C-alpha cells in the first residue's frame, strides 16, 4: 500500500496496489496489518455506503463529537469525488486548514480522516458510490456540521454549478460559530 502524507498531520492518502490481468484487477482495500506497519492505528467498527445520483452533490462538512468521534477511511467505488478534510482541533497550528483529494473508482485512492477533522465530499460525476469505514458507530445526538461554503475556509470543491445539498447541510453554521470539542495534542 502506498502511503502519502498530506499537509494536515494525520490526514493520509492510502493507495492500495492493484494486481491486474486480462480479466480485470484485484485489490486488497483494507489491511489492519498494512495500516499498523504504516503507523496508522484505527479500530473500525462500522462500514457505510452512500449513493449520489447527481453530479455536484455535496455531503458535509460533518463530524461526531466525543465520546463517539470517528476516524474515517473513505474510498469512491463508482464515479469520482473531491474528498475534503478540515482541521477543527482547538490550538492546532493547522486549525481551519483543509486538504482536498480526488478519489475515484479508477484511481483507487483512499483518504484517512482522523477524529478532530470535518469531512465532506462533492461528486465530480453522476451516479457516485462512496464507501467508508468508521471507528465508532453513528450517533445522531453527537452530530455536528460546518457550512460547506464557509468563506473563511474557501474550499475548492471542483464544482461548476451550485451543489445539491441536504436540508441540514444547507443551514449548517459557520466555522467561526463552532465550539469545537477537539483539542490539538489530545484530550
N, C-alpha and C. Protein backbone atom coordinates (compact mmCIF):
# COMPACT_ATOMS: atom_id res chain seq x y z
N UNK A 1 0.83 -1.18 0.00
CA UNK A 1 0.00 0.00 0.00
C UNK A 1 0.88 1.24 0.00
N UNK A 2 0.57 2.16 -0.88
CA UNK A 2 1.30 3.43 -0.94
C UNK A 2 0.69 4.39 0.08
N UNK A 3 1.53 5.02 0.90
CA UNK A 3 1.08 5.95 1.93
C UNK A 3 1.63 7.33 1.58
N UNK A 4 0.73 8.30 1.47
CA UNK A 4 1.11 9.67 1.11
C UNK A 4 0.62 10.61 2.20
N UNK A 5 1.55 11.30 2.86
CA UNK A 5 1.17 12.27 3.88
C UNK A 5 0.63 13.53 3.22
N UNK A 6 -0.29 14.20 3.89
CA UNK A 6 -0.80 15.47 3.39
C UNK A 6 -0.24 16.59 4.28
N UNK A 7 -0.59 17.82 3.96
CA UNK A 7 -0.11 18.94 4.77
C UNK A 7 -0.83 19.03 6.12
N UNK A 8 -1.85 18.21 6.33
CA UNK A 8 -2.53 18.15 7.62
C UNK A 8 -2.09 16.88 8.34
N UNK A 9 -1.33 17.02 9.43
CA UNK A 9 -0.86 15.84 10.15
C UNK A 9 -2.02 14.92 10.55
N UNK A 10 -1.89 13.64 10.19
CA UNK A 10 -2.91 12.65 10.49
C UNK A 10 -3.81 12.34 9.32
N UNK A 11 -3.97 13.28 8.40
CA UNK A 11 -4.78 13.04 7.20
C UNK A 11 -3.85 12.43 6.16
N UNK A 12 -4.18 11.21 5.73
CA UNK A 12 -3.26 10.43 4.91
C UNK A 12 -4.00 9.87 3.70
N UNK A 13 -3.33 9.88 2.55
CA UNK A 13 -3.86 9.24 1.34
C UNK A 13 -3.25 7.85 1.25
N UNK A 14 -4.10 6.85 1.14
CA UNK A 14 -3.66 5.46 1.00
C UNK A 14 -4.07 4.96 -0.37
N UNK A 15 -3.13 4.36 -1.08
CA UNK A 15 -3.45 3.79 -2.39
C UNK A 15 -3.05 2.33 -2.40
N UNK A 16 -4.04 1.44 -2.26
CA UNK A 16 -3.73 0.01 -2.30
C UNK A 16 -3.25 -0.40 -3.69
N UNK A 17 -2.39 -1.41 -3.73
CA UNK A 17 -1.91 -1.94 -5.01
C UNK A 17 -3.02 -2.68 -5.72
N UNK A 18 -2.99 -2.59 -7.04
CA UNK A 18 -3.92 -3.35 -7.87
C UNK A 18 -3.12 -4.34 -8.69
N UNK A 19 -3.63 -5.55 -8.73
CA UNK A 19 -2.99 -6.62 -9.49
C UNK A 19 -3.94 -6.96 -10.65
N UNK A 20 -3.50 -6.66 -11.86
CA UNK A 20 -4.39 -6.82 -13.00
C UNK A 20 -3.93 -7.84 -14.01
N UNK A 21 -4.88 -8.31 -14.78
CA UNK A 21 -4.62 -9.17 -15.93
C UNK A 21 -5.75 -8.93 -16.93
N UNK A 22 -5.88 -9.80 -17.90
CA UNK A 22 -6.87 -9.63 -18.96
C UNK A 22 -8.31 -9.61 -18.41
N UNK A 23 -8.53 -10.19 -17.24
CA UNK A 23 -9.88 -10.25 -16.67
C UNK A 23 -10.27 -8.96 -15.95
N UNK A 24 -9.27 -8.19 -15.52
CA UNK A 24 -9.54 -7.00 -14.72
C UNK A 24 -8.47 -6.84 -13.67
N UNK A 25 -8.84 -6.55 -12.41
CA UNK A 25 -7.85 -6.36 -11.36
C UNK A 25 -8.39 -6.83 -10.02
N UNK A 26 -7.48 -6.99 -9.06
CA UNK A 26 -7.78 -7.33 -7.68
C UNK A 26 -7.03 -6.36 -6.80
N UNK A 27 -7.66 -5.94 -5.69
CA UNK A 27 -7.01 -5.04 -4.75
C UNK A 27 -7.45 -5.37 -3.34
N UNK A 28 -6.50 -5.40 -2.43
CA UNK A 28 -6.80 -5.54 -1.00
C UNK A 28 -7.03 -4.12 -0.50
N UNK A 29 -8.28 -3.74 -0.28
CA UNK A 29 -8.60 -2.34 0.03
C UNK A 29 -8.38 -1.96 1.48
N UNK A 30 -8.31 -2.95 2.37
CA UNK A 30 -8.02 -2.67 3.77
C UNK A 30 -7.25 -3.83 4.37
N UNK A 31 -6.21 -3.49 5.13
CA UNK A 31 -5.45 -4.48 5.88
C UNK A 31 -5.00 -3.84 7.18
N UNK A 32 -5.46 -4.39 8.31
CA UNK A 32 -5.04 -3.87 9.61
C UNK A 32 -3.53 -3.99 9.75
N UNK A 33 -2.96 -5.04 9.21
CA UNK A 33 -1.50 -5.23 9.29
C UNK A 33 -0.78 -4.13 8.52
N UNK A 34 -1.22 -3.84 7.29
CA UNK A 34 -0.57 -2.80 6.49
C UNK A 34 -0.74 -1.42 7.15
N UNK A 35 -1.89 -1.18 7.75
CA UNK A 35 -2.10 0.09 8.45
C UNK A 35 -1.14 0.20 9.63
N UNK A 36 -1.02 -0.86 10.41
CA UNK A 36 -0.12 -0.84 11.57
C UNK A 36 1.32 -0.66 11.13
N UNK A 37 1.72 -1.33 10.04
CA UNK A 37 3.09 -1.18 9.54
C UNK A 37 3.36 0.25 9.10
N UNK A 38 2.31 0.96 8.67
CA UNK A 38 2.46 2.37 8.27
C UNK A 38 2.32 3.31 9.46
N UNK A 39 2.13 2.74 10.66
CA UNK A 39 1.98 3.56 11.86
C UNK A 39 0.60 4.16 12.02
N UNK A 40 -0.38 3.58 11.35
CA UNK A 40 -1.75 4.09 11.38
C UNK A 40 -2.63 3.11 12.15
N UNK A 41 -3.09 3.54 13.30
CA UNK A 41 -3.92 2.69 14.16
C UNK A 41 -5.36 3.15 14.07
N UNK A 42 -6.26 2.24 13.74
CA UNK A 42 -7.68 2.55 13.69
C UNK A 42 -8.46 1.24 13.85
N UNK A 43 -9.36 1.22 14.81
CA UNK A 43 -10.18 0.05 15.07
C UNK A 43 -11.57 0.33 14.47
N UNK A 44 -11.75 -0.09 13.24
CA UNK A 44 -13.00 0.20 12.54
C UNK A 44 -14.11 -0.73 13.01
N UNK A 45 -15.32 -0.13 13.22
CA UNK A 45 -16.45 -0.89 13.74
C UNK A 45 -17.69 -0.81 12.85
N UNK A 46 -17.68 0.07 11.85
CA UNK A 46 -18.86 0.25 11.01
C UNK A 46 -18.43 0.63 9.61
N UNK A 47 -19.09 0.05 8.61
CA UNK A 47 -18.88 0.43 7.21
C UNK A 47 -20.14 1.13 6.71
N UNK A 48 -19.96 2.22 5.96
CA UNK A 48 -21.08 2.97 5.38
C UNK A 48 -20.92 3.01 3.87
N UNK A 49 -22.04 3.13 3.18
CA UNK A 49 -22.06 3.14 1.72
C UNK A 49 -23.11 4.17 1.30
N UNK A 50 -22.69 5.18 0.52
CA UNK A 50 -23.65 6.18 0.06
C UNK A 50 -23.70 6.19 -1.47
N UNK A 51 -24.84 6.59 -1.98
CA UNK A 51 -25.04 6.77 -3.43
C UNK A 51 -25.56 8.18 -3.66
N UNK A 52 -24.97 8.87 -4.62
CA UNK A 52 -25.42 10.20 -5.02
C UNK A 52 -25.68 10.17 -6.52
N UNK A 53 -26.90 10.43 -6.93
CA UNK A 53 -27.27 10.34 -8.34
C UNK A 53 -26.70 11.50 -9.16
N UNK A 54 -26.75 12.70 -8.59
CA UNK A 54 -26.40 13.89 -9.37
C UNK A 54 -24.94 14.30 -9.20
N UNK A 55 -24.33 14.67 -10.31
CA UNK A 55 -23.02 15.33 -10.24
C UNK A 55 -23.24 16.66 -9.54
N UNK A 56 -22.28 17.06 -8.69
CA UNK A 56 -22.42 18.33 -7.98
C UNK A 56 -23.17 18.20 -6.66
N UNK A 57 -23.30 17.00 -6.15
CA UNK A 57 -23.87 16.81 -4.82
C UNK A 57 -22.76 17.02 -3.80
N UNK A 58 -23.05 17.78 -2.75
CA UNK A 58 -22.09 17.96 -1.65
C UNK A 58 -22.70 17.34 -0.40
N UNK A 59 -21.89 16.51 0.25
CA UNK A 59 -22.26 15.92 1.54
C UNK A 59 -21.21 16.37 2.54
N UNK A 60 -21.62 17.17 3.51
CA UNK A 60 -20.67 17.65 4.51
C UNK A 60 -20.77 19.15 4.65
N UNK A 61 -20.02 19.60 5.53
CA UNK A 61 -18.87 19.09 6.29
C UNK A 61 -19.36 18.58 7.64
N UNK A 62 -19.09 17.33 7.98
CA UNK A 62 -19.64 16.67 9.16
C UNK A 62 -18.57 16.20 10.13
N UNK A 63 -18.99 15.97 11.38
CA UNK A 63 -18.17 15.31 12.40
C UNK A 63 -19.10 14.77 13.47
N UNK A 64 -18.57 13.90 14.33
CA UNK A 64 -19.27 13.45 15.53
C UNK A 64 -18.42 13.82 16.73
N UNK A 65 -19.08 14.35 17.76
CA UNK A 65 -18.40 14.75 19.00
C UNK A 65 -18.04 13.52 19.84
N UNK A 66 -17.00 13.64 20.67
CA UNK A 66 -16.74 12.60 21.65
C UNK A 66 -17.98 12.46 22.56
N UNK A 67 -18.29 11.31 23.05
CA UNK A 67 -17.47 10.10 23.05
C UNK A 67 -17.63 9.23 21.80
N UNK A 68 -18.27 9.78 20.76
CA UNK A 68 -18.50 8.99 19.54
C UNK A 68 -17.78 9.57 18.32
N UNK A 69 -16.66 10.25 18.57
CA UNK A 69 -15.87 10.81 17.47
C UNK A 69 -15.41 9.67 16.56
N UNK A 70 -15.25 9.98 15.29
CA UNK A 70 -14.91 8.94 14.31
C UNK A 70 -13.68 9.30 13.50
N UNK A 71 -12.83 8.30 13.31
CA UNK A 71 -11.84 8.31 12.24
C UNK A 71 -12.51 7.60 11.07
N UNK A 72 -12.31 8.11 9.86
CA UNK A 72 -12.94 7.52 8.68
C UNK A 72 -11.87 7.16 7.65
N UNK A 73 -12.08 6.06 6.96
CA UNK A 73 -11.27 5.67 5.80
C UNK A 73 -12.22 5.64 4.61
N UNK A 74 -12.06 6.61 3.72
CA UNK A 74 -13.04 6.89 2.66
C UNK A 74 -12.49 6.46 1.30
N UNK A 75 -13.36 5.80 0.50
CA UNK A 75 -12.98 5.47 -0.87
C UNK A 75 -14.20 5.62 -1.76
N UNK A 76 -13.96 5.91 -3.01
CA UNK A 76 -15.01 6.05 -4.00
C UNK A 76 -14.99 4.79 -4.87
N UNK A 77 -16.12 4.07 -4.91
CA UNK A 77 -16.16 2.80 -5.63
C UNK A 77 -16.91 2.88 -6.96
N UNK A 78 -17.49 4.05 -7.24
CA UNK A 78 -18.14 4.29 -8.54
C UNK A 78 -18.11 5.78 -8.79
N UNK A 79 -17.60 6.20 -9.95
CA UNK A 79 -17.53 7.61 -10.27
C UNK A 79 -16.32 8.27 -9.63
N UNK A 80 -16.48 9.55 -9.24
CA UNK A 80 -15.37 10.31 -8.69
C UNK A 80 -15.89 11.38 -7.74
N UNK A 81 -15.08 11.66 -6.70
CA UNK A 81 -15.42 12.70 -5.73
C UNK A 81 -14.19 13.55 -5.43
N UNK A 82 -14.44 14.73 -4.92
CA UNK A 82 -13.39 15.53 -4.27
C UNK A 82 -13.67 15.38 -2.78
N UNK A 83 -12.77 14.72 -2.07
CA UNK A 83 -12.93 14.44 -0.66
C UNK A 83 -12.17 15.49 0.14
N UNK A 84 -12.78 16.01 1.19
CA UNK A 84 -12.22 17.15 1.93
C UNK A 84 -12.17 16.85 3.42
N UNK A 85 -11.04 17.20 4.04
CA UNK A 85 -10.86 17.14 5.50
C UNK A 85 -10.43 18.52 5.97
N UNK A 86 -11.01 18.97 7.09
CA UNK A 86 -10.71 20.29 7.66
C UNK A 86 -10.36 20.11 9.13
N UNK A 87 -9.23 20.67 9.55
CA UNK A 87 -8.78 20.57 10.94
C UNK A 87 -9.62 21.47 11.83
N UNK A 88 -10.27 20.86 12.86
CA UNK A 88 -11.05 21.66 13.82
C UNK A 88 -10.59 21.36 15.26
N UNK A 89 -9.30 21.06 15.41
CA UNK A 89 -8.74 20.83 16.74
C UNK A 89 -8.27 22.17 17.31
N UNK A 90 -8.93 22.60 18.40
CA UNK A 90 -8.57 23.88 19.03
C UNK A 90 -7.08 23.87 19.39
N UNK A 91 -6.39 24.96 19.07
CA UNK A 91 -4.97 25.10 19.37
C UNK A 91 -4.06 24.51 18.32
N UNK A 92 -4.62 23.86 17.32
CA UNK A 92 -3.79 23.25 16.27
C UNK A 92 -3.17 24.33 15.38
N UNK A 93 -1.91 24.14 15.00
CA UNK A 93 -1.30 25.10 14.07
C UNK A 93 -1.95 25.06 12.68
N UNK A 94 -2.73 24.01 12.41
CA UNK A 94 -3.42 23.93 11.11
C UNK A 94 -4.94 24.08 11.27
N UNK A 95 -5.38 24.71 12.39
CA UNK A 95 -6.82 24.95 12.62
C UNK A 95 -7.44 25.62 11.39
N UNK A 96 -8.56 25.10 10.91
CA UNK A 96 -9.27 25.70 9.79
C UNK A 96 -8.64 25.47 8.43
N UNK A 97 -7.52 24.78 8.38
CA UNK A 97 -6.89 24.45 7.10
C UNK A 97 -7.55 23.18 6.56
N UNK A 98 -7.56 23.06 5.25
CA UNK A 98 -8.21 21.91 4.63
C UNK A 98 -7.31 21.29 3.58
N UNK A 99 -7.62 20.04 3.27
CA UNK A 99 -6.97 19.33 2.19
C UNK A 99 -8.07 18.67 1.37
N UNK A 100 -7.91 18.68 0.06
CA UNK A 100 -8.88 18.04 -0.85
C UNK A 100 -8.12 17.03 -1.71
N UNK A 101 -8.70 15.85 -1.83
CA UNK A 101 -8.09 14.78 -2.62
C UNK A 101 -9.16 14.18 -3.52
N UNK A 102 -8.85 14.06 -4.79
CA UNK A 102 -9.80 13.43 -5.72
C UNK A 102 -9.67 11.91 -5.60
N UNK A 103 -10.78 11.29 -5.25
CA UNK A 103 -10.87 9.84 -5.13
C UNK A 103 -11.80 9.34 -6.23
N UNK A 104 -11.45 8.23 -6.84
CA UNK A 104 -12.32 7.69 -7.89
C UNK A 104 -12.23 6.17 -7.92
N UNK A 105 -13.20 5.58 -8.59
CA UNK A 105 -13.16 4.13 -8.80
C UNK A 105 -11.93 3.78 -9.62
N UNK A 106 -11.52 4.67 -10.51
CA UNK A 106 -10.37 4.39 -11.37
C UNK A 106 -9.04 4.48 -10.61
N UNK A 107 -8.86 5.50 -9.76
CA UNK A 107 -7.55 5.65 -9.12
C UNK A 107 -7.40 4.84 -7.83
N UNK A 108 -8.49 4.38 -7.24
CA UNK A 108 -8.41 3.51 -6.07
C UNK A 108 -7.88 4.16 -4.80
N UNK A 109 -7.66 5.46 -4.82
CA UNK A 109 -7.11 6.15 -3.65
C UNK A 109 -8.15 6.21 -2.53
N UNK A 110 -7.65 6.27 -1.29
CA UNK A 110 -8.50 6.38 -0.12
C UNK A 110 -7.96 7.51 0.76
N UNK A 111 -8.86 8.13 1.53
CA UNK A 111 -8.44 9.20 2.42
C UNK A 111 -8.76 8.80 3.85
N UNK A 112 -7.74 8.83 4.71
CA UNK A 112 -7.90 8.59 6.14
C UNK A 112 -8.11 9.94 6.81
N UNK A 113 -9.29 10.10 7.42
CA UNK A 113 -9.67 11.36 8.07
C UNK A 113 -9.80 11.07 9.57
N UNK A 114 -8.87 11.54 10.39
CA UNK A 114 -8.91 11.23 11.83
C UNK A 114 -9.95 12.04 12.59
N UNK A 115 -10.19 11.62 13.83
CA UNK A 115 -11.01 12.41 14.74
C UNK A 115 -10.43 13.83 14.81
N UNK A 116 -11.31 14.80 15.00
CA UNK A 116 -10.84 16.18 15.09
C UNK A 116 -10.82 16.91 13.76
N UNK A 117 -11.38 16.27 12.74
CA UNK A 117 -11.45 16.88 11.41
C UNK A 117 -12.87 16.81 10.89
N UNK A 118 -13.29 17.88 10.22
CA UNK A 118 -14.53 17.84 9.46
C UNK A 118 -14.29 16.98 8.23
N UNK A 119 -15.35 16.36 7.72
CA UNK A 119 -15.24 15.58 6.50
C UNK A 119 -16.43 15.87 5.59
N UNK A 120 -16.15 15.94 4.31
CA UNK A 120 -17.21 16.10 3.32
C UNK A 120 -16.69 15.76 1.94
N UNK A 121 -17.61 15.63 0.99
CA UNK A 121 -17.18 15.39 -0.39
C UNK A 121 -18.18 15.96 -1.37
N UNK A 122 -17.68 16.24 -2.57
CA UNK A 122 -18.51 16.68 -3.69
C UNK A 122 -18.37 15.66 -4.80
N UNK A 123 -19.50 15.33 -5.43
CA UNK A 123 -19.46 14.37 -6.53
C UNK A 123 -19.04 15.08 -7.82
N UNK A 124 -18.04 14.51 -8.47
CA UNK A 124 -17.49 15.10 -9.70
C UNK A 124 -18.09 14.46 -10.94
N UNK A 125 -18.83 13.37 -10.76
CA UNK A 125 -19.51 12.67 -11.85
C UNK A 125 -20.91 12.31 -11.35
N UNK A 126 -21.81 11.93 -12.26
CA UNK A 126 -23.10 11.42 -11.80
C UNK A 126 -22.94 9.97 -11.29
N UNK A 127 -23.94 9.50 -10.56
CA UNK A 127 -24.02 8.11 -10.11
C UNK A 127 -22.77 7.68 -9.35
N UNK A 128 -22.54 8.34 -8.22
CA UNK A 128 -21.35 8.11 -7.41
C UNK A 128 -21.69 7.24 -6.20
N UNK A 129 -20.80 6.28 -5.94
CA UNK A 129 -20.91 5.48 -4.72
C UNK A 129 -19.63 5.69 -3.90
N UNK A 130 -19.83 5.94 -2.61
CA UNK A 130 -18.74 6.15 -1.67
C UNK A 130 -18.91 5.16 -0.53
N UNK A 131 -17.80 4.52 -0.16
CA UNK A 131 -17.82 3.61 0.97
C UNK A 131 -16.77 4.07 1.97
N UNK A 132 -17.11 4.00 3.25
CA UNK A 132 -16.12 4.38 4.24
C UNK A 132 -16.30 3.60 5.53
N UNK A 133 -15.15 3.36 6.15
CA UNK A 133 -15.08 2.68 7.43
C UNK A 133 -15.04 3.75 8.52
N UNK A 134 -15.63 3.43 9.69
CA UNK A 134 -15.65 4.36 10.83
C UNK A 134 -15.19 3.64 12.09
N UNK A 135 -14.53 4.39 12.97
CA UNK A 135 -14.05 3.81 14.22
C UNK A 135 -15.07 3.89 15.35
N UNK A 136 -16.22 4.50 15.12
CA UNK A 136 -17.30 4.47 16.10
C UNK A 136 -18.61 4.41 15.34
N UNK A 137 -19.65 4.02 16.05
CA UNK A 137 -20.97 3.87 15.44
C UNK A 137 -21.62 5.23 15.24
N UNK A 138 -22.54 5.30 14.29
CA UNK A 138 -23.29 6.52 14.07
C UNK A 138 -24.10 6.85 15.32
N UNK A 139 -23.95 8.08 15.79
CA UNK A 139 -24.65 8.55 16.99
C UNK A 139 -25.22 9.94 16.68
N UNK A 140 -26.47 10.01 16.21
CA UNK A 140 -27.02 11.29 15.75
C UNK A 140 -26.99 12.40 16.80
N UNK A 141 -27.05 12.03 18.08
CA UNK A 141 -27.04 13.05 19.13
C UNK A 141 -25.69 13.74 19.26
N UNK A 142 -24.65 13.21 18.62
CA UNK A 142 -23.32 13.82 18.67
C UNK A 142 -22.91 14.48 17.36
N UNK A 143 -23.83 14.54 16.41
CA UNK A 143 -23.51 15.11 15.09
C UNK A 143 -23.21 16.60 15.17
N UNK A 144 -22.29 17.02 14.32
CA UNK A 144 -22.00 18.42 14.14
C UNK A 144 -21.68 18.69 12.68
N UNK A 145 -21.78 19.94 12.29
CA UNK A 145 -21.52 20.29 10.89
C UNK A 145 -21.06 21.74 10.80
N UNK A 146 -20.41 22.02 9.69
CA UNK A 146 -19.99 23.38 9.33
C UNK A 146 -20.38 23.59 7.87
N UNK A 147 -20.72 24.82 7.54
CA UNK A 147 -21.14 25.14 6.15
C UNK A 147 -20.09 24.71 5.14
N UNK A 148 -20.55 24.08 4.09
CA UNK A 148 -19.67 23.63 3.01
C UNK A 148 -19.02 24.82 2.30
N UNK A 149 -19.72 25.96 2.27
CA UNK A 149 -19.24 27.14 1.53
C UNK A 149 -18.78 28.27 2.45
N UNK A 150 -18.35 27.93 3.65
CA UNK A 150 -17.88 28.94 4.60
C UNK A 150 -16.77 29.76 3.94
N UNK A 151 -16.95 31.09 3.84
CA UNK A 151 -15.93 31.91 3.17
C UNK A 151 -14.59 31.91 3.90
N UNK A 152 -14.59 31.65 5.21
CA UNK A 152 -13.33 31.58 5.94
C UNK A 152 -12.51 30.36 5.54
N UNK A 153 -13.18 29.33 5.05
CA UNK A 153 -12.49 28.12 4.59
C UNK A 153 -12.12 28.22 3.11
N UNK A 154 -13.03 28.76 2.30
CA UNK A 154 -12.83 28.92 0.85
C UNK A 154 -12.34 27.62 0.20
N UNK A 155 -13.09 26.55 0.44
CA UNK A 155 -12.73 25.24 -0.11
C UNK A 155 -13.02 25.20 -1.60
N UNK A 156 -12.09 24.65 -2.36
CA UNK A 156 -12.28 24.42 -3.79
C UNK A 156 -12.89 23.02 -3.95
N UNK A 157 -14.20 22.99 -4.15
CA UNK A 157 -14.92 21.72 -4.27
C UNK A 157 -14.88 21.17 -5.70
N UNK A 158 -14.35 21.91 -6.65
CA UNK A 158 -14.30 21.44 -8.03
C UNK A 158 -15.66 21.48 -8.71
N UNK A 159 -16.53 22.38 -8.26
CA UNK A 159 -17.89 22.46 -8.80
C UNK A 159 -18.00 23.57 -9.84
N UNK A 160 -18.84 23.35 -10.84
CA UNK A 160 -19.07 24.37 -11.86
C UNK A 160 -20.48 24.97 -11.76
N UNK A 161 -21.29 24.47 -10.83
CA UNK A 161 -22.65 24.97 -10.64
C UNK A 161 -22.99 24.82 -9.15
N UNK A 162 -24.05 25.51 -8.69
CA UNK A 162 -24.45 25.34 -7.29
C UNK A 162 -24.72 23.86 -6.98
N UNK A 163 -24.34 23.41 -5.79
CA UNK A 163 -24.47 21.99 -5.47
C UNK A 163 -25.87 21.60 -5.02
N UNK A 164 -26.12 20.30 -5.03
CA UNK A 164 -27.29 19.74 -4.37
C UNK A 164 -26.88 19.44 -2.93
N UNK A 165 -27.69 19.89 -1.98
CA UNK A 165 -27.39 19.75 -0.55
C UNK A 165 -28.58 19.15 0.18
N UNK A 166 -28.31 18.53 1.32
CA UNK A 166 -29.40 18.14 2.21
C UNK A 166 -29.91 19.40 2.90
N UNK A 167 -31.12 19.34 3.43
CA UNK A 167 -31.67 20.49 4.16
C UNK A 167 -30.77 20.84 5.35
N UNK A 168 -30.25 19.83 6.02
CA UNK A 168 -29.39 20.03 7.19
C UNK A 168 -28.08 20.72 6.79
N UNK A 169 -27.45 20.27 5.69
CA UNK A 169 -26.19 20.89 5.26
C UNK A 169 -26.39 22.32 4.79
N UNK A 170 -27.57 22.62 4.24
CA UNK A 170 -27.83 23.97 3.73
C UNK A 170 -27.88 25.01 4.84
N UNK A 171 -28.14 24.58 6.09
CA UNK A 171 -28.24 25.54 7.20
C UNK A 171 -27.16 25.33 8.26
N UNK A 172 -26.12 24.60 7.93
CA UNK A 172 -25.03 24.36 8.89
C UNK A 172 -24.37 25.69 9.26
N UNK A 173 -23.87 25.80 10.48
CA UNK A 173 -23.25 27.06 10.92
C UNK A 173 -21.85 27.27 10.34
N UNK A 174 -21.35 28.46 10.50
CA UNK A 174 -20.00 28.81 10.06
C UNK A 174 -18.97 28.24 11.02
N UNK A 175 -17.75 28.08 10.53
CA UNK A 175 -16.66 27.61 11.37
C UNK A 175 -16.45 28.54 12.57
N UNK A 176 -16.59 29.84 12.36
CA UNK A 176 -16.40 30.81 13.43
C UNK A 176 -17.38 30.61 14.58
N UNK A 177 -18.51 29.97 14.32
CA UNK A 177 -19.53 29.72 15.34
C UNK A 177 -19.38 28.36 16.00
N UNK A 178 -18.40 27.59 15.59
CA UNK A 178 -18.21 26.24 16.11
C UNK A 178 -17.45 26.26 17.44
N UNK A 179 -18.02 25.65 18.45
CA UNK A 179 -17.32 25.40 19.71
C UNK A 179 -16.79 23.98 19.61
N UNK A 180 -15.61 23.83 19.05
CA UNK A 180 -15.08 22.50 18.75
C UNK A 180 -14.79 21.72 20.02
N UNK A 181 -15.22 20.45 20.04
CA UNK A 181 -14.93 19.60 21.20
C UNK A 181 -13.54 18.96 21.13
N UNK A 182 -12.79 19.26 20.08
CA UNK A 182 -11.49 18.62 19.86
C UNK A 182 -10.38 19.58 20.22
N UNK A 183 -9.33 19.04 20.84
CA UNK A 183 -8.17 19.83 21.24
C UNK A 183 -6.93 19.22 20.63
N UNK A 184 -6.10 20.04 20.03
CA UNK A 184 -4.86 19.58 19.43
C UNK A 184 -3.94 18.99 20.49
N UNK A 185 -3.34 17.88 20.18
CA UNK A 185 -2.40 17.25 21.10
C UNK A 185 -3.06 16.36 22.13
N UNK A 186 -4.37 16.13 22.01
CA UNK A 186 -5.04 15.22 22.92
C UNK A 186 -6.16 15.87 23.69
N UNK A 187 -6.71 15.09 24.59
CA UNK A 187 -7.85 15.44 25.44
C UNK A 187 -8.32 16.83 25.20
